[in-house]
Amino acid sequence: MEANERRTSEGNDVARLVAELEAAEAYEQKLRQLILDVRNELAAGHTGVALSLLNQALTFIDNETDVVSPSPVAKDPGASPRS
């Protein structure tokens, strides 16, 4: 029975890590697109629009703090802290 519980726990950990990785990849893609948009607006001479896009990027970063620094996993005395 313990082996089955351990497999379930490991499966849950893998699913959590996959979801975390997908969120991080989506976050990175969104930021890259915002950077490209800002660069294009600056090249076109639209500094006001570029500044607005940068403000959107800052808001996006502020709203996605769990992606930037994930909340700690369940407290396990034997687990090493993530860096």
PDB file of N, CA and C in Angstrom:
ATOM      1  N   MET A   1       0.820  -1.198   0.000  1.00  0.00           N
ATOM      2  CA  MET A   1       0.000   0.000   0.000  1.00  0.00           C
ATOM      3  C   MET A   1       0.861   1.257   0.000  1.00  0.00           C
ATOM      4  N   GLU A   2       2.004   1.236   0.747  1.00  0.00           N
ATOM      5  CA  GLU A   2       2.881   2.406   0.809  1.00  0.00           C
ATOM      6  C   GLU A   2       3.461   2.722  -0.558  1.00  0.00           C
ATOM      7  N   ALA A   3       3.807   1.707  -1.332  1.00  0.00           N
ATOM      8  CA  ALA A   3       4.377   1.923  -2.661  1.00  0.00           C
ATOM      9  C   ALA A   3       3.362   2.631  -3.553  1.00  0.00           C
ATOM     10  N   ASN A   4       2.101   2.241  -3.439  1.00  0.00           N
ATOM     11  CA  ASN A   4       1.045   2.877  -4.233  1.00  0.00           C
ATOM     12  C   ASN A   4       0.868   4.342  -3.832  1.00  0.00           C
ATOM     13  N   GLU A   5       0.906   4.610  -2.530  1.00  0.00           N
ATOM     14  CA  GLU A   5       0.785   5.987  -2.048  1.00  0.00           C
ATOM     15  C   GLU A   5       1.976   6.826  -2.500  1.00  0.00           C
ATOM     16  N   ARG A   6       3.167   6.211  -2.481  1.00  0.00           N
ATOM     17  CA  ARG A   6       4.372   6.924  -2.905  1.00  0.00           C
ATOM     18  C   ARG A   6       4.294   7.265  -4.392  1.00  0.00           C
ATOM     19  N   ARG A   7       3.808   6.319  -5.208  1.00  0.00           N
ATOM     20  CA  ARG A   7       3.641   6.577  -6.645  1.00  0.00           C
ATOM     21  C   ARG A   7       2.636   7.690  -6.881  1.00  0.00           C
ATOM     22  N   THR A   8       1.556   7.687  -6.109  1.00  0.00           N
ATOM     23  CA  THR A   8       0.552   8.734  -6.231  1.00  0.00           C
ATOM     24  C   THR A   8       1.147  10.088  -5.862  1.00  0.00           C
ATOM     25  N   SER A   9       1.915  10.107  -4.785  1.00  0.00           N
ATOM     26  CA  SER A   9       2.567  11.339  -4.346  1.00  0.00           C
ATOM     27  C   SER A   9       3.552  11.833  -5.401  1.00  0.00           C
ATOM     28  N   GLU A  10       4.349  10.912  -5.956  1.00  0.00           N
ATOM     29  CA  GLU A  10       5.303  11.284  -6.999  1.00  0.00           C
ATOM     30  C   GLU A  10       4.570  11.784  -8.246  1.00  0.00           C
ATOM     31  N   GLY A  11       3.467  11.140  -8.580  1.00  0.00           N
ATOM     32  CA  GLY A  11       2.668  11.576  -9.727  1.00  0.00           C
ATOM     33  C   GLY A  11       2.112  12.976  -9.518  1.00  0.00           C
ATOM     34  N   ASN A  12       1.671  13.253  -8.291  1.00  0.00           N
ATOM     35  CA  ASN A  12       1.172  14.591  -7.972  1.00  0.00           C
ATOM     36  C   ASN A  12       2.292  15.623  -8.073  1.00  0.00           C
ATOM     37  N   ASP A  13       3.488  15.256  -7.604  1.00  0.00           N
ATOM     38  CA  ASP A  13       4.634  16.161  -7.690  1.00  0.00           C
ATOM     39  C   ASP A  13       4.983  16.448  -9.145  1.00  0.00           C
ATOM     40  N   VAL A  14       4.974  15.410  -9.967  1.00  0.00           N
ATOM     41  CA  VAL A  14       5.286  15.593 -11.386  1.00  0.00           C
ATOM     42  C   VAL A  14       4.240  16.486 -12.036  1.00  0.00           C
ATOM     43  N   ALA A  15       2.987  16.268 -11.755  1.00  0.00           N
ATOM     44  CA  ALA A  15       1.926  17.090 -12.329  1.00  0.00           C
ATOM     45  C   ALA A  15       2.063  18.545 -11.893  1.00  0.00           C
ATOM     46  N   ARG A  16       2.410  18.761 -10.630  1.00  0.00           N
ATOM     47  CA  ARG A  16       2.601  20.126 -10.130  1.00  0.00           C
ATOM     48  C   ARG A  16       3.770  20.794 -10.824  1.00  0.00           C
ATOM     49  N   LEU A  17       4.872  20.058 -10.976  1.00  0.00           N
ATOM     50  CA  LEU A  17       6.055  20.614 -11.632  1.00  0.00           C
ATOM     51  C   LEU A  17       5.802  20.907 -13.112  1.00  0.00           C
ATOM     52  N   VAL A  18       5.061  20.044 -13.776  1.00  0.00           N
ATOM     53  CA  VAL A  18       4.721  20.275 -15.182  1.00  0.00           C
ATOM     54  C   VAL A  18       3.860  21.530 -15.313  1.00  0.00           C
ATOM     55  N   ALA A  19       2.886  21.679 -14.434  1.00  0.00           N
ATOM     56  CA  ALA A  19       2.025  22.865 -14.469  1.00  0.00           C
ATOM     57  C   ALA A  19       2.840  24.126 -14.187  1.00  0.00           C
ATOM     58  N   GLU A  20       3.777  24.044 -13.249  1.00  0.00           N
ATOM     59  CA  GLU A  20       4.634  25.182 -12.924  1.00  0.00           C
ATOM     60  C   GLU A  20       5.517  25.555 -14.115  1.00  0.00           C
ATOM     61  N   LEU A  21       6.053  24.545 -14.783  1.00  0.00           N
ATOM     62  CA  LEU A  21       6.894  24.791 -15.962  1.00  0.00           C
ATOM     63  C   LEU A  21       6.082  25.413 -17.092  1.00  0.00           C
ATOM     64  N   GLU A  22       4.879  24.916 -17.316  1.00  0.00           N
ATOM     65  CA  GLU A  22       4.024  25.482 -18.362  1.00  0.00           C
ATOM     66  C   GLU A  22       3.687  26.940 -18.063  1.00  0.00           C
ATOM     67  N   ALA A  23       3.407  27.239 -16.803  1.00  0.00           N
ATOM     68  CA  ALA A  23       3.108  28.624 -16.423  1.00  0.00           C
ATOM     69  C   ALA A  23       4.323  29.517 -16.638  1.00  0.00           C
ATOM     70  N   ALA A  24       5.498  29.017 -16.307  1.00  0.00           N
ATOM     71  CA  ALA A  24       6.724  29.797 -16.491  1.00  0.00           C
ATOM     72  C   ALA A  24       7.002  30.037 -17.973  1.00  0.00           C
ATOM     73  N   GLU A  25       6.758  29.037 -18.794  1.00  0.00           N
ATOM     74  CA  GLU A  25       6.966  29.191 -20.235  1.00  0.00           C
ATOM     75  C   GLU A  25       5.987  30.199 -20.829  1.00  0.00           C
ATOM     76  N   ALA A  26       4.741  30.148 -20.406  1.00  0.00           N
ATOM     77  CA  ALA A  26       3.745  31.116 -20.890  1.00  0.00           C
ATOM     78  C   ALA A  26       4.115  32.526 -20.439  1.00  0.00           C
ATOM     79  N   TYR A  27       4.597  32.645 -19.217  1.00  0.00           N
ATOM     80  CA  TYR A  27       5.039  33.932 -18.670  1.00  0.00           C
ATOM     81  C   TYR A  27       6.183  34.495 -19.505  1.00  0.00           C
ATOM     82  N   GLU A  28       7.164  33.657 -19.785  1.00  0.00           N
ATOM     83  CA  GLU A  28       8.312  34.089 -20.588  1.00  0.00           C
ATOM     84  C   GLU A  28       7.876  34.514 -21.986  1.00  0.00           C
ATOM     85  N   GLN A  29       7.002  33.734 -22.595  1.00  0.00           N
ATOM     86  CA  GLN A  29       6.523  34.054 -23.940  1.00  0.00           C
ATOM     87  C   GLN A  29       5.792  35.394 -23.956  1.00  0.00           C
ATOM     88  N   LYS A  30       4.964  35.649 -22.963  1.00  0.00           N
ATOM     89  CA  LYS A  30       4.231  36.914 -22.878  1.00  0.00           C
ATOM     90  C   LYS A  30       5.203  38.089 -22.738  1.00  0.00           C
ATOM     91  N   LEU A  31       6.215  37.942 -21.880  1.00  0.00           N
ATOM     92  CA  LEU A  31       7.200  39.012 -21.703  1.00  0.00           C
ATOM     93  C   LEU A  31       8.004  39.247 -22.977  1.00  0.00           C
ATOM     94  N   ARG A  32       8.387  38.173 -23.651  1.00  0.00           N
ATOM     95  CA  ARG A  32       9.124  38.327 -24.912  1.00  0.00           C
ATOM     96  C   ARG A  32       8.281  39.080 -25.947  1.00  0.00           C
ATOM     97  N   GLN A  33       6.989  38.762 -26.002  1.00  0.00           N
ATOM     98  CA  GLN A  33       6.115  39.449 -26.955  1.00  0.00           C
ATOM     99  C   GLN A  33       5.985  40.923 -26.599  1.00  0.00           C
ATOM    100  N   LEU A  34       5.860  41.221 -25.320  1.00  0.00           N
ATOM    101  CA  LEU A  34       5.791  42.626 -24.900  1.00  0.00           C
ATOM    102  C   LEU A  34       7.074  43.374 -25.266  1.00  0.00           C
ATOM    103  N   ILE A  35       8.222  42.732 -25.104  1.00  0.00           N
ATOM    104  CA  ILE A  35       9.495  43.358 -25.462  1.00  0.00           C
ATOM    105  C   ILE A  35       9.548  43.640 -26.964  1.00  0.00           C
ATOM    106  N   LEU A  36       9.117  42.680 -27.761  1.00  0.00           N
ATOM    107  CA  LEU A  36       9.086  42.892 -29.212  1.00  0.00           C
ATOM    108  C   LEU A  36       8.149  44.034 -29.580  1.00  0.00           C
ATOM    109  N   ASP A  37       6.996  44.077 -28.944  1.00  0.00           N
ATOM    110  CA  ASP A  37       6.040  45.147 -29.220  1.00  0.00           C
ATOM    111  C   ASP A  37       6.625  46.511 -28.865  1.00  0.00           C
ATOM    112  N   VAL A  38       7.301  46.588 -27.718  1.00  0.00           N
ATOM    113  CA  VAL A  38       7.929  47.844 -27.301  1.00  0.00           C
ATOM    114  C   VAL A  38       9.003  48.246 -28.310  1.00  0.00           C
ATOM    115  N   ARG A  39       9.815  47.304 -28.694  1.00  0.00           N
ATOM    116  CA  ARG A  39      10.886  47.577 -29.666  1.00  0.00           C
ATOM    117  C   ARG A  39      10.304  48.097 -30.986  1.00  0.00           C
ATOM    118  N   ASN A  40       9.228  47.481 -31.445  1.00  0.00           N
ATOM    119  CA  ASN A  40       8.593  47.916 -32.698  1.00  0.00           C
ATOM    120  C   ASN A  40       8.020  49.330 -32.574  1.00  0.00           C
ATOM    121  N   GLU A  41       7.399  49.609 -31.447  1.00  0.00           N
ATOM    122  CA  GLU A  41       6.827  50.945 -31.248  1.00  0.00           C
ATOM    123  C   GLU A  41       7.926  52.005 -31.160  1.00  0.00           C
ATOM    124  N   LEU A  42       9.017  51.682 -30.504  1.00  0.00           N
ATOM    125  CA  LEU A  42      10.131  52.630 -30.436  1.00  0.00           C
ATOM    126  C   LEU A  42      10.723  52.865 -31.821  1.00  0.00           C
ATOM    127  N   ALA A  43      10.869  51.803 -32.604  1.00  0.00           N
ATOM    128  CA  ALA A  43      11.407  51.939 -33.961  1.00  0.00           C
ATOM    129  C   ALA A  43      10.501  52.801 -34.833  1.00  0.00           C
ATOM    130  N   ALA A  44       9.199  52.746 -34.562  1.00  0.00           N
ATOM    131  CA  ALA A  44       8.244  53.551 -35.328  1.00  0.00           C
ATOM    132  C   ALA A  44       8.137  54.972 -34.774  1.00  0.00           C
ATOM    133  N   GLY A  45       8.846  55.252 -33.686  1.00  0.00           N
ATOM    134  CA  GLY A  45       8.818  56.589 -33.104  1.00  0.00           C
ATOM    135  C   GLY A  45       7.653  56.852 -32.170  1.00  0.00           C
ATOM    136  N   HIS A  46       6.988  55.813 -31.756  1.00  0.00           N
ATOM    137  CA  HIS A  46       5.825  55.940 -30.865  1.00  0.00           C
ATOM    138  C   HIS A  46       6.246  55.715 -29.418  1.00  0.00           C
ATOM    139  N   THR A  47       6.933  56.692 -28.846  1.00  0.00           N
ATOM    140  CA  THR A  47       7.447  56.514 -27.483  1.00  0.00           C
ATOM    141  C   THR A  47       6.331  56.403 -26.448  1.00  0.00           C
ATOM    142  N   GLY A  48       5.248  57.144 -26.658  1.00  0.00           N
ATOM    143  CA  GLY A  48       4.132  57.075 -25.712  1.00  0.00           C
ATOM    144  C   GLY A  48       3.517  55.693 -25.661  1.00  0.00           C
ATOM    145  N   VAL A  49       3.345  55.093 -26.821  1.00  0.00           N
ATOM    146  CA  VAL A  49       2.789  53.740 -26.875  1.00  0.00           C
ATOM    147  C   VAL A  49       3.776  52.756 -26.236  1.00  0.00           C
ATOM    148  N   ALA A  50       5.066  52.939 -26.502  1.00  0.00           N
ATOM    149  CA  ALA A  50       6.087  52.062 -25.924  1.00  0.00           C
ATOM    150  C   ALA A  50       6.064  52.147 -24.401  1.00  0.00           C
ATOM    151  N   LEU A  51       5.952  53.358 -23.875  1.00  0.00           N
ATOM    152  CA  LEU A  51       5.876  53.514 -22.416  1.00  0.00           C
ATOM    153  C   LEU A  51       4.636  52.842 -21.843  1.00  0.00           C
ATOM    154  N   SER A  52       3.543  52.959 -22.541  1.00  0.00           N
ATOM    155  CA  SER A  52       2.311  52.310 -22.107  1.00  0.00           C
ATOM    156  C   SER A  52       2.490  50.787 -22.074  1.00  0.00           C
ATOM    157  N   LEU A  53       3.136  50.253 -23.098  1.00  0.00           N
ATOM    158  CA  LEU A  53       3.392  48.812 -23.133  1.00  0.00           C
ATOM    159  C   LEU A  53       4.324  48.386 -22.001  1.00  0.00           C
ATOM    160  N   LEU A  54       5.298  49.218 -21.699  1.00  0.00           N
ATOM    161  CA  LEU A  54       6.190  48.904 -20.577  1.00  0.00           C
ATOM    162  C   LEU A  54       5.436  48.919 -19.253  1.00  0.00           C
ATOM    163  N   ASN A  55       4.497  49.836 -19.103  1.00  0.00           N
ATOM    164  CA  ASN A  55       3.652  49.842 -17.902  1.00  0.00           C
ATOM    165  C   ASN A  55       2.818  48.572 -17.818  1.00  0.00           C
ATOM    166  N   GLN A  56       2.304  48.128 -18.975  1.00  0.00           N
ATOM    167  CA  GLN A  56       1.558  46.869 -18.999  1.00  0.00           C
ATOM    168  C   GLN A  56       2.459  45.712 -18.574  1.00  0.00           C
ATOM    169  N   ALA A  57       3.713  45.729 -19.045  1.00  0.00           N
ATOM    170  CA  ALA A  57       4.648  44.667 -18.685  1.00  0.00           C
ATOM    171  C   ALA A  57       4.902  44.661 -17.181  1.00  0.00           C
ATOM    172  N   LEU A  58       5.084  45.839 -16.598  1.00  0.00           N
ATOM    173  CA  LEU A  58       5.309  45.911 -15.151  1.00  0.00           C
ATOM    174  C   LEU A  58       4.095  45.403 -14.377  1.00  0.00           C
ATOM    175  N   THR A  59       2.917  45.756 -14.825  1.00  0.00           N
ATOM    176  CA  THR A  59       1.693  45.264 -14.182  1.00  0.00           C
ATOM    177  C   THR A  59       1.611  43.749 -14.295  1.00  0.00           C
ATOM    178  N   PHE A  60       1.937  43.238 -15.471  1.00  0.00           N
ATOM    179  CA  PHE A  60       1.925  41.787 -15.686  1.00  0.00           C
ATOM    180  C   PHE A  60       2.902  41.096 -14.740  1.00  0.00           C
ATOM    181  N   ILE A  61       4.106  41.657 -14.609  1.00  0.00           N
ATOM    182  CA  ILE A  61       5.112  41.074 -13.712  1.00  0.00           C
ATOM    183  C   ILE A  61       4.614  41.102 -12.267  1.00  0.00           C
ATOM    184  N   ASP A  62       4.045  42.229 -11.854  1.00  0.00           N
ATOM    185  CA  ASP A  62       3.530  42.345 -10.486  1.00  0.00           C
ATOM    186  C   ASP A  62       2.405  41.350 -10.210  1.00  0.00           C
ATOM    187  N   ASN A  63       1.565  41.109 -11.206  1.00  0.00           N
ATOM    188  CA  ASN A  63       0.423  40.216 -11.020  1.00  0.00           C
ATOM    189  C   ASN A  63       0.793  38.744 -11.058  1.00  0.00           C
ATOM    190  N   GLU A  64       1.958  38.428 -11.558  1.00  0.00           N
ATOM    191  CA  GLU A  64       2.366  37.032 -11.717  1.00  0.00           C
ATOM    192  C   GLU A  64       3.475  36.641 -10.748  1.00  0.00           C
ATOM    193  N   THR A  65       3.393  37.095  -9.517  1.00  0.00           N
ATOM    194  CA  THR A  65       4.472  36.822  -8.565  1.00  0.00           C
ATOM    195  C   THR A  65       4.664  35.338  -8.296  1.00  0.00           C
ATOM    196  N   ASP A  66       3.622  34.525  -8.408  1.00  0.00           N
ATOM    197  CA  ASP A  66       3.775  33.089  -8.170  1.00  0.00           C
ATOM    198  C   ASP A  66       4.625  32.425  -9.244  1.00  0.00           C
ATOM    199  N   VAL A  67       4.643  33.002 -10.446  1.00  0.00           N
ATOM    200  CA  VAL A  67       5.487  32.454 -11.503  1.00  0.00           C
ATOM    201  C   VAL A  67       6.926  32.882 -11.281  1.00  0.00           C
ATOM    202  N   VAL A  68       7.116  34.130 -10.856  1.00  0.00           N
ATOM    203  CA  VAL A  68       8.459  34.653 -10.641  1.00  0.00           C
ATOM    204  C   VAL A  68       9.122  33.983  -9.447  1.00  0.00           C
ATOM    205  N   SER A  69       8.400  33.848  -8.358  1.00  0.00           N
ATOM    206  CA  SER A  69       8.922  33.177  -7.165  1.00  0.00           C
ATOM    207  C   SER A  69       7.812  32.306  -6.593  1.00  0.00           C
ATOM    208  N   PRO A  70       7.787  31.042  -7.002  1.00  0.00           N
ATOM    209  CA  PRO A  70       6.703  30.151  -6.580  1.00  0.00           C
ATOM    210  C   PRO A  70       6.592  30.054  -5.067  1.00  0.00           C
ATOM    211  N   SER A  71       5.374  29.867  -4.618  1.00  0.00           N
ATOM    212  CA  SER A  71       5.167  29.670  -3.188  1.00  0.00           C
ATOM    213  C   SER A  71       5.782  28.338  -2.793  1.00  0.00           C
ATOM    214  N   PRO A  72       6.239  28.233  -1.550  1.00  0.00           N
ATOM    215  CA  PRO A  72       6.903  27.000  -1.123  1.00  0.00           C
ATOM    216  C   PRO A  72       5.966  25.802  -1.207  1.00  0.00           C
ATOM    217  N   VAL A  73       6.559  24.666  -1.489  1.00  0.00           N
ATOM    218  CA  VAL A  73       5.782  23.420  -1.526  1.00  0.00           C
ATOM    219  C   VAL A  73       5.473  23.000  -0.104  1.00  0.00           C
ATOM    220  N   ALA A  74       4.691  21.957   0.029  1.00  0.00           N
ATOM    221  CA  ALA A  74       4.309  21.468   1.359  1.00  0.00           C
ATOM    222  C   ALA A  74       5.546  21.279   2.217  1.00  0.00           C
ATOM    223  N   LYS A  75       5.439  21.660   3.456  1.00  0.00           N
ATOM    224  CA  LYS A  75       6.585  21.607   4.360  1.00  0.00           C
ATOM    225  C   LYS A  75       6.934  20.155   4.659  1.00  0.00           C
ATOM    226  N   ASP A  76       8.119  19.776   4.202  1.00  0.00           N
ATOM    227  CA  ASP A  76       8.630  18.436   4.437  1.00  0.00           C
ATOM    228  C   ASP A  76       9.983  18.606   5.112  1.00  0.00           C
ATOM    229  N   PRO A  77      10.134  18.159   6.340  1.00  0.00           N
ATOM    230  CA  PRO A  77      11.389  18.394   7.060  1.00  0.00           C
ATOM    231  C   PRO A  77      12.601  17.837   6.337  1.00  0.00           C
ATOM    232  N   GLY A  78      12.437  16.815   5.513  1.00  0.00           N
ATOM    233  CA  GLY A  78      13.560  16.233   4.804  1.00  0.00           C
ATOM    234  C   GLY A  78      13.833  16.866   3.460  1.00  0.00           C
ATOM    235  N   ALA A  79      12.958  17.761   3.023  1.00  0.00           N
ATOM    236  CA  ALA A  79      13.127  18.377   1.704  1.00  0.00           C
ATOM    237  C   ALA A  79      14.127  19.510   1.765  1.00  0.00           C
ATOM    238  N   SER A  80      14.907  19.617   0.707  1.00  0.00           N
ATOM    239  CA  SER A  80      15.853  20.736   0.647  1.00  0.00           C
ATOM    240  C   SER A  80      15.141  21.930   0.033  1.00  0.00           C
ATOM    241  N   PRO A  81      15.497  23.151   0.457  1.00  0.00           N
ATOM    242  CA  PRO A  81      14.848  24.336  -0.086  1.00  0.00           C
ATOM    243  C   PRO A  81      15.210  24.525  -1.551  1.00  0.00           C
ATOM    244  N   ARG A  82      14.230  25.064  -2.308  1.00  0.00           N
ATOM    245  CA  ARG A  82      14.482  25.338  -3.724  1.00  0.00           C
ATOM    246  C   ARG A  82      15.241  26.631  -3.850  1.00  0.00           C
ATOM    247  N   SER A  83      16.106  26.690  -4.847  1.00  0.00           N
ATOM    248  CA  SER A  83      16.846  27.933  -5.085  1.00  0.00           C
ATOM    249  C   SER A  83      16.347  28.638  -6.305  1.00  0.00           C
TER     250      SER A  83
END
